[in-house]
Amino acid sequence: MKQVLSNEILENNRKKNNYRVMLATTIIVSLMILVTAILEVLGIATKAINIGAVAKATAFSFIIGFLLWKYIAKYGVRPYSKWLVISIVFIWITALRTVPHDAPESYAIYYLLILMSVFYFDLLLVIFSTTLCILGDLLLLHYYPTLYPDGSLSGTLVIRYFCFLWIGIAAAFSSYAIKELILLNTSLSIHNLKLKEDVNRKTHIDNMRKEFIAAVSHELKTPISIIEGYAEGLNDGIVEENEKNEFINIIIDESQKMKYLVEDMLDLTKFEYGFLKITWEDFSLNDLLLICINKFKLNLKEKDLEIQINLEKDYIVSGDTSRIENVVINLLSNAIRHSPEGSVIKIIITDKIDQVLIKIQNNTNYFTKEEKNLIWDAFYRVEKSRNRKFGGTGLGLAVVKTILELHASDFGVNNTDLGVEFYFTLNKSINKIAN
């Protein structure tokens, strides 16, 4: 991973390096031309230098610099661009060396080319630039043979090329060392980031665990206390005969609440660890809604509630039947708990071309903007003082959110003129609508 990341860093920096090499070369060449012109004006330049040669060098440099800038702007990010840039700079410098060809010290400008190749942190490129410099110098000596004071051209060349090799080796080691330093720095950054993420994740998990245990303990404590109290009353025989059934029903009701709480916790845990799977199938949305409504007949009768639903078409949708049934039951249960007696709960089905939109509306207090986001969290309740009165596990909407996310559903809650509405979408099956 660190190798890939460091390569990306170097590759993303390639265009900038190309511009750096071009800028450095432009500055060096400009200084060379300026100094050469001054020496010519002062009359202390070598015999090969004249104003005409300086003018030609200036024009050539301008053309090469412009073309190089255009090339880098268009192709500077490509992998081979660094090789072409170094080659063009070599040609540029070599052409300029033809002006003071009788000045033996002019070969030193090749050192700069070798050093500039270090910018790319590429060992092969440094070797390539060193080789170019040696071959370029030999080529110039072939066309412009120069006699040195001691008359020993071969000895001078040996020393010169040893200098080239020494600079090249130093540059190569520098390039390799800098690249390794980048790799090491990248590796350290990755490990530090991973360590920070691990620490944050562990802290987050610890906090979630503490909150979860506290919430579960609180949710289980109340029904257990109620069951214990009523069971002791039955056991001690202090309950009148006509009250026994009521006590037993309360115990059963509280037991069911604990059962639902455990089931919801299991679903959320399965989802958190990736074990909650969706079994996709086509099913009738109308049939599923009617089954869910039928389960609440007694609850509706107790509060004198009415459910209105439009069943003009039978929509065939795709999803996990049992999971979607869980969603509808949770939303209906929520609506029944918070609806005032004698009110109406509406289930509205809307055709959305390739989807079906289901809305469950009931008359209740509006949600604030903050509550609209928080109600999907586990154990969150808008009215905590009414927990026992209205029942519920505090996990219902968290389970709904989990299931609908697995179905890639568009879901949420809105305030309406009459109260609130929960909505969610389901994809139609391939057949879309059953006739």
Protein backbone atom coordinates (compact mmCIF):
# COMPACT_ATOMS: atom_id res chain seq x y z
CA MET A 1 0.00 0.00 0.00
CA LYS A 2 2.77 2.44 0.95
CA GLN A 3 4.53 1.72 -2.39
CA VAL A 4 1.36 2.47 -4.33
CA LEU A 5 0.67 5.63 -2.35
CA SER A 6 4.23 6.92 -2.67
CA ASN A 7 4.16 6.23 -6.41
CA GLU A 8 0.92 8.20 -6.65
CA ILE A 9 2.56 11.09 -4.80
CA LEU A 10 5.56 11.05 -7.15
CA GLU A 11 3.39 10.68 -10.26
CA ASN A 12 1.06 13.49 -9.20
CA ASN A 13 4.17 15.64 -8.70
CA ARG A 14 5.63 14.77 -12.12
CA LYS A 15 4.19 17.78 -13.94
CA LYS A 16 5.43 20.13 -11.22
CA ASN A 17 8.91 18.59 -11.49
CA ASN A 18 8.86 19.09 -15.25
CA TYR A 19 8.06 22.76 -14.70
CA ARG A 20 10.80 23.01 -12.06
CA VAL A 21 13.41 21.59 -14.45
CA MET A 22 12.24 23.93 -17.21
CA LEU A 23 12.33 26.95 -14.87
CA ALA A 24 15.80 26.06 -13.56
CA THR A 25 17.09 25.59 -17.11
CA THR A 26 15.55 28.87 -18.26
CA ILE A 27 17.20 30.76 -15.40
CA ILE A 28 20.59 29.12 -16.01
CA VAL A 29 20.45 29.68 -19.78
CA SER A 30 19.36 33.30 -19.32
CA LEU A 31 22.28 33.92 -16.96
CA MET A 32 24.67 32.21 -19.41
CA ILE A 33 23.51 34.40 -22.29
CA LEU A 34 23.62 37.55 -20.15
CA VAL A 35 27.13 36.84 -18.82
CA THR A 36 28.36 35.87 -22.29
CA ALA A 37 26.99 39.09 -23.79
CA ILE A 38 28.63 41.16 -21.03
CA LEU A 39 31.97 39.41 -21.59
CA GLU A 40 31.71 40.09 -25.32
CA VAL A 41 30.95 43.76 -24.73
CA LEU A 42 33.90 44.01 -22.34
CA GLY A 43 36.12 42.29 -24.91
CA ILE A 44 37.23 39.48 -22.63
CA ALA A 45 35.18 36.65 -24.17
CA THR A 46 36.71 33.73 -26.07
CA LYS A 47 37.32 34.06 -29.80
CA ALA A 48 34.34 31.88 -30.71
CA ILE A 49 31.89 34.26 -29.05
CA ASN A 50 30.39 37.19 -30.96
CA ILE A 51 27.16 39.17 -30.86
CA GLY A 52 25.72 37.13 -33.76
CA ALA A 53 26.32 33.86 -31.92
CA VAL A 54 24.75 35.27 -28.75
CA ALA A 55 21.70 36.45 -30.72
CA LYS A 56 21.28 33.02 -32.31
CA ALA A 57 21.59 31.35 -28.90
CA THR A 58 18.96 33.70 -27.48
CA ALA A 59 16.51 33.02 -30.33
CA PHE A 60 17.09 29.26 -30.12
CA SER A 61 16.59 29.29 -26.34
CA PHE A 62 13.34 31.22 -26.68
CA ILE A 63 11.96 28.73 -29.23
CA ILE A 64 13.05 25.65 -27.24
CA GLY A 65 11.73 27.13 -23.98
CA PHE A 66 8.35 27.97 -25.54
CA LEU A 67 7.96 24.51 -27.11
CA LEU A 68 9.00 22.82 -23.87
CA TRP A 69 6.47 24.87 -21.89
CA LYS A 70 3.67 23.95 -24.33
CA TYR A 71 4.64 20.27 -24.18
CA ILE A 72 4.68 20.18 -20.37
CA ALA A 73 1.33 21.99 -20.19
CA LYS A 74 -0.30 19.33 -22.39
CA TYR A 75 1.61 16.12 -21.65
CA GLY A 76 3.47 16.89 -18.41
CA VAL A 77 1.63 14.27 -16.35
CA ARG A 78 2.43 11.35 -18.62
CA PRO A 79 5.00 8.77 -17.42
CA TYR A 80 7.43 9.27 -20.32
CA SER A 81 7.36 13.09 -20.09
CA LYS A 82 10.30 13.24 -17.67
CA TRP A 83 12.52 11.37 -20.14
CA LEU A 84 11.59 13.76 -22.96
CA VAL A 85 12.03 16.84 -20.76
CA ILE A 86 15.54 15.76 -19.70
CA SER A 87 16.40 14.93 -23.34
CA ILE A 88 15.14 18.31 -24.58
CA VAL A 89 17.03 20.16 -21.85
CA PHE A 90 20.16 18.20 -22.84
CA ILE A 91 19.74 19.29 -26.48
CA TRP A 92 19.10 22.86 -25.33
CA ILE A 93 22.28 22.97 -23.21
CA THR A 94 24.38 21.20 -25.83
CA ALA A 95 23.30 23.69 -28.50
CA LEU A 96 24.29 26.57 -26.24
CA ARG A 97 27.69 25.00 -25.60
CA THR A 98 28.51 25.40 -29.29
CA VAL A 99 28.76 29.16 -28.78
CA PRO A 100 31.72 29.15 -26.33
CA HIS A 101 33.04 25.86 -27.73
CA ASP A 102 36.62 26.93 -27.23
CA ALA A 103 36.04 27.52 -23.50
CA PRO A 104 36.93 24.18 -21.86
CA GLU A 105 35.11 25.04 -18.62
CA SER A 106 31.74 25.20 -20.44
CA TYR A 107 31.28 21.45 -19.98
CA ALA A 108 30.46 22.11 -16.29
CA ILE A 109 26.92 23.09 -17.29
CA TYR A 110 26.24 19.38 -17.83
CA TYR A 111 26.57 18.89 -14.08
CA LEU A 112 23.39 20.90 -13.68
CA LEU A 113 21.49 18.55 -15.99
CA ILE A 114 22.51 15.57 -13.85
CA LEU A 115 21.47 17.36 -10.68
CA MET A 116 18.12 18.41 -12.16
CA SER A 117 17.30 14.78 -12.95
CA VAL A 118 17.36 14.15 -9.19
CA PHE A 119 14.06 16.07 -8.96
CA TYR A 120 12.23 12.98 -10.25
CA PHE A 121 13.71 10.54 -7.69
CA ASP A 122 14.32 8.05 -10.49
CA LEU A 123 17.65 6.17 -10.41
CA LEU A 124 17.47 5.15 -14.08
CA LEU A 125 16.78 8.74 -15.14
CA VAL A 126 19.92 9.92 -13.31
CA ILE A 127 21.99 7.25 -15.07
CA PHE A 128 20.38 8.27 -18.37
CA SER A 129 21.21 11.97 -17.89
CA THR A 130 24.81 11.14 -16.89
CA THR A 131 25.24 9.03 -20.02
CA LEU A 132 23.79 11.83 -22.18
CA CYS A 133 26.25 14.33 -20.72
CA ILE A 134 29.29 12.12 -21.44
CA LEU A 135 28.13 11.35 -25.00
CA GLY A 136 27.24 15.01 -25.61
CA ASP A 137 30.67 16.17 -24.49
CA LEU A 138 32.39 13.61 -26.71
CA LEU A 139 30.26 14.74 -29.66
CA LEU A 140 31.17 18.39 -29.12
CA LEU A 141 34.86 17.55 -28.84
CA HIS A 142 34.60 15.68 -32.11
CA TYR A 143 33.29 18.77 -33.92
CA TYR A 144 35.20 21.32 -31.85
CA PRO A 145 38.56 19.73 -30.87
CA THR A 146 40.24 21.76 -28.16
CA LEU A 147 43.94 21.69 -27.29
CA TYR A 148 44.72 22.08 -23.63
CA PRO A 149 47.87 23.77 -22.30
CA ASP A 150 49.47 20.53 -21.24
CA GLY A 151 48.68 18.95 -24.61
CA SER A 152 47.15 15.90 -23.01
CA LEU A 153 43.55 15.78 -24.19
CA SER A 154 43.01 12.14 -23.18
CA GLY A 155 44.18 12.73 -19.61
CA THR A 156 41.92 15.75 -19.25
CA LEU A 157 38.95 13.82 -20.61
CA VAL A 158 39.54 10.97 -18.16
CA ILE A 159 39.47 13.43 -15.29
CA ARG A 160 36.42 15.21 -16.77
CA TYR A 161 34.41 12.02 -17.19
CA PHE A 162 35.39 10.80 -13.76
CA CYS A 163 33.82 14.04 -12.53
CA PHE A 164 30.69 13.27 -14.57
CA LEU A 165 30.54 9.79 -13.08
CA TRP A 166 31.16 11.08 -9.58
CA ILE A 167 28.37 13.65 -9.90
CA GLY A 168 26.12 10.98 -11.48
CA ILE A 169 26.79 8.46 -8.69
CA ALA A 170 26.22 11.10 -6.02
CA ALA A 171 22.99 12.18 -7.73
CA ALA A 172 21.85 8.57 -8.11
CA PHE A 173 22.41 7.81 -4.43
CA SER A 174 20.71 11.07 -3.49
CA SER A 175 17.74 10.25 -5.70
CA TYR A 176 17.46 6.75 -4.22
CA ALA A 177 17.85 8.03 -0.66
CA ILE A 178 15.22 10.74 -1.12
CA LYS A 179 12.78 8.25 -2.66
CA GLU A 180 13.33 5.88 0.26
CA LEU A 181 12.77 8.80 2.61
CA ILE A 182 9.48 9.55 0.85
CA LEU A 183 8.51 5.87 1.18
CA LEU A 184 9.39 5.89 4.87
CA ASN A 185 7.52 9.13 5.48
CA THR A 186 4.50 7.79 3.57
CA SER A 187 4.62 4.56 5.56
CA LEU A 188 4.80 6.47 8.85
CA SER A 189 1.89 8.69 7.79
CA ILE A 190 -0.21 5.65 6.89
CA HIS A 191 0.58 3.89 10.15
CA ASN A 192 -0.10 7.05 12.17
CA LEU A 193 -3.40 7.53 10.37
CA LYS A 194 -4.34 3.89 10.89
CA LEU A 195 -3.36 4.10 14.56
CA LYS A 196 -5.46 7.22 14.98
CA GLU A 197 -8.42 5.56 13.25
CA ASP A 198 -8.02 2.46 15.44
CA VAL A 199 -7.94 4.58 18.59
CA ASN A 200 -10.98 6.58 17.47
CA ARG A 201 -12.81 3.40 16.48
CA LYS A 202 -12.00 1.75 19.82
CA THR A 203 -13.13 4.84 21.72
CA HIS A 204 -16.31 5.01 19.65
CA ILE A 205 -17.02 1.30 20.18
CA ASP A 206 -16.37 1.61 23.92
CA ASN A 207 -18.74 4.57 24.15
CA MET A 208 -21.37 2.76 22.10
CA ARG A 209 -20.99 -0.34 24.26
CA LYS A 210 -21.41 1.66 27.46
CA GLU A 211 -24.41 3.53 26.08
CA PHE A 212 -25.90 0.31 24.74
CA ILE A 213 -25.50 -1.56 28.04
CA ALA A 214 -26.93 1.38 29.97
CA ALA A 215 -29.89 1.68 27.60
CA VAL A 216 -30.61 -2.07 27.54
CA SER A 217 -30.33 -2.27 31.32
CA HIS A 218 -32.81 0.56 31.66
CA GLU A 219 -35.20 -0.92 29.09
CA LEU A 220 -35.16 -4.39 30.69
CA LYS A 221 -35.30 -3.15 34.27
CA THR A 222 -38.85 -1.79 34.02
CA PRO A 223 -40.60 -4.83 32.49
CA ILE A 224 -38.67 -7.18 34.79
CA SER A 225 -39.76 -5.15 37.82
CA ILE A 226 -43.36 -5.17 36.62
CA ILE A 227 -43.32 -8.93 35.95
CA GLU A 228 -41.69 -9.56 39.33
CA GLY A 229 -44.25 -7.44 41.16
CA TYR A 230 -47.30 -9.01 39.55
CA ALA A 231 -45.84 -12.53 39.80
CA GLU A 232 -45.20 -12.06 43.54
CA GLY A 233 -48.75 -10.85 43.95
CA LEU A 234 -50.08 -13.99 42.29
CA ASN A 235 -47.69 -16.20 44.25
CA ASP A 236 -48.61 -14.66 47.61
CA GLY A 237 -52.31 -15.09 46.91
CA ILE A 238 -53.14 -11.45 47.61
CA VAL A 239 -54.87 -11.03 44.25
CA GLU A 240 -58.61 -11.32 43.95
CA GLU A 241 -59.87 -14.05 41.64
CA ASN A 242 -61.34 -11.56 39.19
CA GLU A 243 -57.95 -9.74 38.96
CA LYS A 244 -55.83 -12.79 38.16
CA ASN A 245 -56.43 -12.65 34.41
CA GLU A 246 -55.51 -8.96 34.38
CA PHE A 247 -52.26 -9.69 36.24
CA ILE A 248 -51.45 -12.55 33.88
CA ASN A 249 -52.13 -10.38 30.80
CA ILE A 250 -49.82 -7.68 32.15
CA ILE A 251 -47.07 -10.26 32.72
CA ILE A 252 -47.56 -11.60 29.17
CA ASP A 253 -47.54 -8.06 27.74
CA GLU A 254 -44.30 -7.13 29.51
CA SER A 255 -42.73 -10.46 28.47
CA GLN A 256 -43.59 -9.69 24.85
CA LYS A 257 -41.98 -6.26 25.16
CA MET A 258 -38.77 -7.89 26.37
CA LYS A 259 -39.00 -10.40 23.53
CA TYR A 260 -39.35 -7.61 20.94
CA LEU A 261 -36.47 -5.73 22.55
CA VAL A 262 -34.19 -8.76 22.31
CA GLU A 263 -35.26 -9.43 18.70
CA ASP A 264 -34.59 -5.82 17.71
CA MET A 265 -31.20 -5.89 19.43
CA LEU A 266 -30.31 -9.08 17.57
CA ASP A 267 -31.28 -7.50 14.24
CA LEU A 268 -29.17 -4.42 14.92
CA THR A 269 -26.23 -6.54 16.05
CA LYS A 270 -26.48 -8.72 12.93
CA PHE A 271 -26.49 -5.61 10.76
CA GLU A 272 -23.52 -4.08 12.59
CA TYR A 273 -21.43 -7.22 12.01
CA GLY A 274 -22.72 -7.78 8.47
CA PHE A 275 -24.82 -10.86 9.27
CA LEU A 276 -28.21 -9.36 8.46
CA LYS A 277 -28.94 -10.59 4.94
CA ILE A 278 -31.75 -9.71 2.56
CA THR A 279 -33.66 -12.48 0.77
CA TRP A 280 -34.94 -10.88 -2.40
CA GLU A 281 -38.31 -11.94 -3.77
CA ASP A 282 -41.38 -10.47 -5.43
CA PHE A 283 -44.48 -10.09 -3.27
CA SER A 284 -47.82 -8.29 -3.17
CA LEU A 285 -47.54 -5.04 -1.25
CA ASN A 286 -51.31 -4.92 -0.71
CA ASP A 287 -51.41 -8.38 0.85
CA LEU A 288 -48.52 -7.54 3.17
CA LEU A 289 -50.16 -4.28 4.33
CA LEU A 290 -53.47 -6.03 5.04
CA ILE A 291 -51.70 -8.74 7.06
CA CYS A 292 -49.93 -6.08 9.13
CA ILE A 293 -53.14 -4.10 9.72
CA ASN A 294 -54.96 -7.25 10.81
CA LYS A 295 -52.35 -7.80 13.57
CA PHE A 296 -53.38 -4.52 15.20
CA LYS A 297 -57.15 -5.08 15.31
CA LEU A 298 -57.29 -5.19 19.10
CA ASN A 299 -54.99 -2.18 19.49
CA LEU A 300 -57.11 -0.17 17.06
CA LYS A 301 -60.30 -1.16 18.87
CA GLU A 302 -58.88 -0.20 22.28
CA LYS A 303 -58.14 3.36 21.12
CA ASP A 304 -61.08 3.62 18.70
CA LEU A 305 -58.66 4.23 15.81
CA GLU A 306 -59.38 3.79 12.12
CA ILE A 307 -56.90 2.94 9.36
CA GLN A 308 -57.69 4.28 5.90
CA ILE A 309 -55.79 2.78 2.96
CA ASN A 310 -56.10 3.13 -0.81
CA LEU A 311 -55.84 -0.26 -2.53
CA GLU A 312 -56.74 0.68 -6.09
CA LYS A 313 -53.94 -1.43 -7.57
CA ASP A 314 -52.08 -4.44 -6.33
CA TYR A 315 -48.42 -3.51 -6.52
CA ILE A 316 -45.86 -6.28 -6.86
CA VAL A 317 -42.63 -5.10 -5.28
CA SER A 318 -39.18 -6.59 -4.78
CA GLY A 319 -37.59 -7.07 -1.36
CA ASP A 320 -37.39 -9.26 1.72
CA THR A 321 -41.01 -9.93 2.68
CA SER A 322 -40.39 -10.64 6.36
CA ARG A 323 -38.10 -7.61 6.75
CA ILE A 324 -40.53 -5.23 5.03
CA GLU A 325 -43.31 -6.65 7.19
CA ASN A 326 -41.16 -5.74 10.20
CA VAL A 327 -40.83 -2.19 8.83
CA VAL A 328 -44.59 -1.77 8.38
CA ILE A 329 -45.36 -3.26 11.81
CA ASN A 330 -42.88 -0.92 13.49
CA LEU A 331 -44.26 2.15 11.70
CA LEU A 332 -47.90 1.17 12.35
CA SER A 333 -47.12 0.39 15.99
CA ASN A 334 -45.46 3.78 16.31
CA ALA A 335 -48.47 5.51 14.71
CA ILE A 336 -50.98 3.69 16.94
CA ARG A 337 -49.02 4.46 20.13
CA HIS A 338 -48.84 8.18 19.44
CA SER A 339 -52.27 8.78 17.87
CA PRO A 340 -55.01 10.28 20.04
CA GLU A 341 -58.11 8.18 20.62
CA GLY A 342 -60.75 8.33 17.89
CA SER A 343 -58.33 9.60 15.23
CA VAL A 344 -57.53 8.26 11.75
CA ILE A 345 -54.29 6.69 10.52
CA LYS A 346 -53.80 6.92 6.75
CA ILE A 347 -51.73 4.59 4.57
CA ILE A 348 -51.16 6.18 1.16
CA ILE A 349 -49.62 4.27 -1.77
CA THR A 350 -48.28 6.30 -4.70
CA ASP A 351 -47.05 5.01 -8.06
CA LYS A 352 -43.53 6.31 -8.88
CA ILE A 353 -42.88 4.65 -12.29
CA ASP A 354 -40.27 2.09 -11.19
CA GLN A 355 -40.95 2.48 -7.46
CA VAL A 356 -43.82 2.53 -5.02
CA LEU A 357 -44.00 5.22 -2.32
CA ILE A 358 -45.68 4.21 0.95
CA LYS A 359 -46.73 6.88 3.47
CA ILE A 360 -48.13 6.25 6.96
CA GLN A 361 -49.75 9.39 8.38
CA ASN A 362 -51.13 9.95 11.87
CA ASN A 363 -52.26 12.80 14.09
CA THR A 364 -49.51 13.58 16.59
CA ASN A 365 -47.08 16.29 17.64
CA TYR A 366 -44.68 17.68 15.07
CA PHE A 367 -41.01 16.72 15.03
CA THR A 368 -38.34 19.38 15.30
CA LYS A 369 -35.54 19.41 12.75
CA GLU A 370 -33.18 17.85 15.29
CA GLU A 371 -35.70 15.16 16.25
CA LYS A 372 -36.16 14.15 12.61
CA ASN A 373 -32.53 13.01 12.62
CA LEU A 374 -32.40 11.61 16.16
CA ILE A 375 -35.52 9.41 16.02
CA TRP A 376 -33.63 6.87 13.90
CA ASP A 377 -31.06 6.32 16.65
CA ALA A 378 -31.35 3.31 18.94
CA PHE A 379 -33.13 3.97 22.26
CA TYR A 380 -34.00 7.55 21.35
CA ARG A 381 -37.49 8.70 22.28
CA VAL A 382 -38.99 12.13 21.70
CA GLU A 383 -41.06 11.98 24.90
CA LYS A 384 -39.05 10.04 27.47
CA SER A 385 -41.60 10.71 30.24
CA ARG A 386 -44.20 8.76 28.28
CA ASN A 387 -42.08 5.64 27.68
CA ARG A 388 -44.05 3.23 29.76
CA LYS A 389 -47.41 4.68 28.81
CA PHE A 390 -46.87 4.24 25.11
CA GLY A 391 -44.59 1.21 25.25
CA GLY A 392 -42.09 0.40 22.52
CA THR A 393 -38.52 -0.78 22.78
CA GLY A 394 -36.78 2.38 21.59
CA LEU A 395 -35.22 0.30 18.81
CA GLY A 396 -38.09 0.12 16.33
CA LEU A 397 -37.09 3.03 14.09
CA ALA A 398 -33.41 2.04 14.28
CA VAL A 399 -34.42 -1.39 12.92
CA VAL A 400 -36.59 0.28 10.25
CA LYS A 401 -33.65 2.42 9.16
CA THR A 402 -31.35 -0.62 8.98
CA ILE A 403 -33.76 -2.67 6.86
CA LEU A 404 -34.63 0.19 4.48
CA GLU A 405 -30.95 1.04 3.96
CA LEU A 406 -30.34 -2.57 2.95
CA HIS A 407 -33.18 -2.16 0.43
CA ALA A 408 -31.64 1.08 -0.91
CA SER A 409 -34.92 2.77 -0.03
CA ASP A 410 -35.62 6.49 0.07
CA PHE A 411 -37.16 6.97 3.51
CA GLY A 412 -37.76 9.63 6.13
CA VAL A 413 -40.32 11.60 8.11
CA ASN A 414 -42.23 14.81 7.37
CA ASN A 415 -44.52 17.08 9.33
CA THR A 416 -47.98 17.45 7.75
CA ASP A 417 -51.05 19.60 8.38
CA LEU A 418 -52.57 16.83 10.52
CA GLY A 419 -49.42 15.55 12.21
CA VAL A 420 -46.52 13.51 10.85
CA GLU A 421 -45.94 10.98 8.10
CA PHE A 422 -43.29 8.31 7.77
CA TYR A 423 -42.51 7.32 4.20
CA PHE A 424 -40.36 4.80 2.34
CA THR A 425 -40.00 3.49 -1.21
CA LEU A 426 -39.76 -0.02 -2.62
CA ASN A 427 -38.68 -1.04 -6.08
CA LYS A 428 -41.29 -2.65 -8.28
CA SER A 429 -40.63 -6.13 -9.56
CA ILE A 430 -39.76 -6.71 -13.21
CA ASN A 431 -43.46 -7.16 -13.91
CA LYS A 432 -44.03 -3.85 -12.04
CA ILE A 433 -47.79 -3.97 -11.46
CA ALA A 434 -49.90 -7.11 -11.15
CA ASN A 435 -53.22 -6.85 -12.85
